[in-house]
């Protein structure tokens, strides 16, 4: 099984991904590590990424997913996965790829980004991410509110996984 924690910047993908991996006793990989230097530079300067910027990044993450699958490993990844077409690339028709959508209000996300330090993402890009976001339906993802504590989020994800 492959889990992908998804959502806009500030949703807590990395923290929740790390906690899920810890609870599932598997590896965690942050999708940001696959961004090219050019993508990181654009985001650092407040320039939104285009689909053309994202396709190579998504394909690289998909290749890493396939490596984990071929090794028979459970793994947790993070990736904003803002559009259904992006999720389709990452999923590639695999039934064992499950998205976890970390859903939050603009206000909560903005507050979180205002307190974050040391990240290449310019908080001014939040609105462009929200504009791009195509929220997944129940057929695509487990949806959990970021208003819960990280531990509650992980508990809810694991409970919903068990019910699937």
Protein backbone atom coordinates (compact mmCIF):
# COMPACT_ATOMS: atom_id res chain seq x y z
CA UNK A 1 0.00 0.00 0.00
CA UNK A 2 1.12 3.52 -0.85
CA UNK A 3 -0.36 6.51 0.99
CA UNK A 4 0.01 10.03 -0.36
CA UNK A 5 -0.70 12.91 2.02
CA UNK A 6 -2.03 15.70 -0.19
CA UNK A 7 -3.26 19.27 0.07
CA UNK A 8 -2.07 22.82 -0.34
CA UNK A 9 1.02 24.20 1.34
CA UNK A 10 0.55 24.57 5.08
CA UNK A 11 -1.90 21.67 5.40
CA UNK A 12 0.63 19.61 7.36
CA UNK A 13 1.48 17.01 4.73
CA UNK A 14 5.01 16.40 5.98
CA UNK A 15 4.08 16.11 9.65
CA UNK A 16 1.11 13.84 8.98
CA UNK A 17 3.12 11.80 6.47
CA UNK A 18 5.90 11.26 9.00
CA UNK A 19 3.41 10.27 11.72
CA UNK A 20 1.57 7.88 9.41
CA UNK A 21 4.85 6.25 8.35
CA UNK A 22 5.83 5.88 11.99
CA UNK A 23 2.51 4.24 12.87
CA UNK A 24 2.62 1.99 9.78
CA UNK A 25 6.31 1.11 10.33
CA UNK A 26 7.24 2.12 6.81
CA UNK A 27 9.27 4.69 4.92
CA UNK A 28 8.32 8.33 4.43
CA UNK A 29 9.28 10.38 1.39
CA UNK A 30 8.51 14.09 1.03
CA UNK A 31 7.48 14.92 -2.53
CA UNK A 32 9.17 18.32 -2.24
CA UNK A 33 12.50 16.51 -2.43
CA UNK A 34 11.71 15.68 -6.07
CA UNK A 35 11.20 19.30 -7.16
CA UNK A 36 13.82 20.62 -9.54
CA UNK A 37 15.99 23.53 -8.45
CA UNK A 38 14.15 25.66 -11.03
CA UNK A 39 10.76 24.80 -9.48
CA UNK A 40 12.00 25.63 -5.99
CA UNK A 41 13.46 28.90 -7.23
CA UNK A 42 10.16 29.89 -8.87
CA UNK A 43 8.18 29.14 -5.70
CA UNK A 44 10.74 30.94 -3.54
CA UNK A 45 10.17 34.06 -5.64
CA UNK A 46 6.37 33.78 -5.49
CA UNK A 47 5.95 32.51 -9.05
CA UNK A 48 3.27 29.80 -9.33
CA UNK A 49 4.23 26.56 -11.02
CA UNK A 50 2.59 25.67 -14.31
CA UNK A 51 1.44 22.23 -15.42
CA UNK A 52 4.59 22.06 -17.56
CA UNK A 53 6.65 22.60 -14.38
CA UNK A 54 4.73 19.92 -12.51
CA UNK A 55 4.62 17.02 -15.01
CA UNK A 56 8.31 15.99 -14.67
CA UNK A 57 8.05 16.33 -10.87
CA UNK A 58 4.95 14.12 -10.73
CA UNK A 59 6.52 11.51 -13.02
CA UNK A 60 9.58 11.37 -10.76
CA UNK A 61 7.39 10.78 -7.72
CA UNK A 62 5.49 8.09 -9.63
CA UNK A 63 8.79 6.34 -10.41
CA UNK A 64 9.64 6.35 -6.69
CA UNK A 65 6.19 4.90 -5.93
CA UNK A 66 6.81 2.12 -8.45
CA UNK A 67 10.15 1.30 -6.80
CA UNK A 68 8.39 0.84 -3.45
CA UNK A 69 5.67 -1.28 -5.07
CA UNK A 70 8.20 -3.50 -6.85
CA UNK A 71 9.97 -4.05 -3.54
CA UNK A 72 6.63 -4.99 -1.96
CA UNK A 73 6.90 -2.14 0.54
CA UNK A 74 4.28 0.00 2.21
CA UNK A 75 5.27 3.66 1.97
CA UNK A 76 4.00 7.14 2.69
CA UNK A 77 4.65 10.05 0.33
CA UNK A 78 3.61 13.67 0.32
CA UNK A 79 2.59 15.61 -2.75
CA UNK A 80 0.23 18.56 -3.10
CA UNK A 81 -1.64 16.64 -5.85
CA UNK A 82 -3.82 19.67 -6.49
CA UNK A 83 -5.59 18.44 -9.63
CA UNK A 84 -7.26 15.15 -10.41
CA UNK A 85 -5.00 14.81 -13.47
CA UNK A 86 -1.96 15.04 -11.17
CA UNK A 87 -3.42 12.38 -8.89
CA UNK A 88 -4.07 10.22 -11.96
CA UNK A 89 -0.35 10.37 -12.84
CA UNK A 90 0.62 9.38 -9.29
CA UNK A 91 -2.03 6.66 -9.04
CA UNK A 92 -1.50 5.28 -12.57
CA UNK A 93 -4.54 3.05 -12.11
CA UNK A 94 -3.11 1.30 -9.03
CA UNK A 95 -5.72 0.29 -6.47
CA UNK A 96 -3.10 0.25 -3.70
CA UNK A 97 -2.37 4.00 -3.98
CA UNK A 98 -4.50 5.92 -1.50
CA UNK A 99 -4.63 9.70 -1.15
CA UNK A 100 -5.16 11.39 2.21
CA UNK A 101 -6.56 14.88 1.64
CA UNK A 102 -5.70 17.29 4.45
CA UNK A 103 -8.49 19.84 4.14
CA UNK A 104 -8.36 23.24 5.77
CA UNK A 105 -9.73 26.76 5.51
CA UNK A 106 -7.78 29.56 3.88
CA UNK A 107 -7.56 31.27 7.26
CA UNK A 108 -5.99 28.31 9.06
CA UNK A 109 -3.61 27.62 6.17
CA UNK A 110 -2.54 31.25 5.96
CA UNK A 111 -1.90 31.40 9.69
CA UNK A 112 0.24 28.26 9.54
CA UNK A 113 2.27 29.56 6.60
CA UNK A 114 2.84 32.82 8.46
CA UNK A 115 4.60 30.91 11.25
CA UNK A 116 6.65 28.59 9.03
CA UNK A 117 10.36 29.26 8.59
CA UNK A 118 13.07 27.74 6.44
CA UNK A 119 10.84 26.55 3.58
CA UNK A 120 11.23 27.55 -0.07
CA UNK A 121 7.47 28.10 -0.58
CA UNK A 122 6.46 31.79 -0.64
CA UNK A 123 3.23 32.12 1.41
CA UNK A 124 1.88 34.55 -1.20
CA UNK A 125 1.35 31.49 -3.43
CA UNK A 126 -1.37 30.04 -1.16
CA UNK A 127 -4.19 31.65 -3.14
CA UNK A 128 -2.86 30.28 -6.44
CA UNK A 129 -2.78 26.79 -4.90
CA UNK A 130 -6.33 27.17 -3.60
CA UNK A 131 -7.43 28.37 -7.05
CA UNK A 132 -5.77 25.33 -8.67
CA UNK A 133 -7.06 22.81 -6.10
CA UNK A 134 -9.64 20.31 -7.36
CA UNK A 135 -10.80 18.77 -4.09
CA UNK A 136 -10.92 14.99 -4.32
CA UNK A 137 -14.17 13.17 -3.73
CA UNK A 138 -14.68 10.15 -1.52
CA UNK A 139 -13.89 7.96 -4.54
CA UNK A 140 -10.39 9.44 -4.65
CA UNK A 141 -9.24 10.15 -1.13
CA UNK A 142 -9.69 9.92 2.59
CA UNK A 143 -10.52 13.48 3.64
CA UNK A 144 -9.57 14.72 7.10
CA UNK A 145 -9.87 18.23 8.56
CA UNK A 146 -6.65 19.89 9.64
CA UNK A 147 -8.58 21.42 12.54
CA UNK A 148 -7.93 18.13 14.38
CA UNK A 149 -4.67 17.51 16.23
CA UNK A 150 -1.99 15.62 14.26
CA UNK A 151 -2.62 12.51 16.40
CA UNK A 152 -6.38 12.72 15.75
CA UNK A 153 -5.75 13.10 12.02
CA UNK A 154 -3.56 9.99 11.95
CA UNK A 155 -6.10 8.03 14.02
CA UNK A 156 -8.88 9.07 11.63
CA UNK A 157 -6.85 8.13 8.54
CA UNK A 158 -6.02 4.69 9.96
CA UNK A 159 -9.66 4.15 10.96
CA UNK A 160 -10.87 5.05 7.46
CA UNK A 161 -8.18 2.85 5.87
CA UNK A 162 -9.40 -0.08 7.94
CA UNK A 163 -12.97 0.52 6.73
CA UNK A 164 -11.95 0.44 3.04
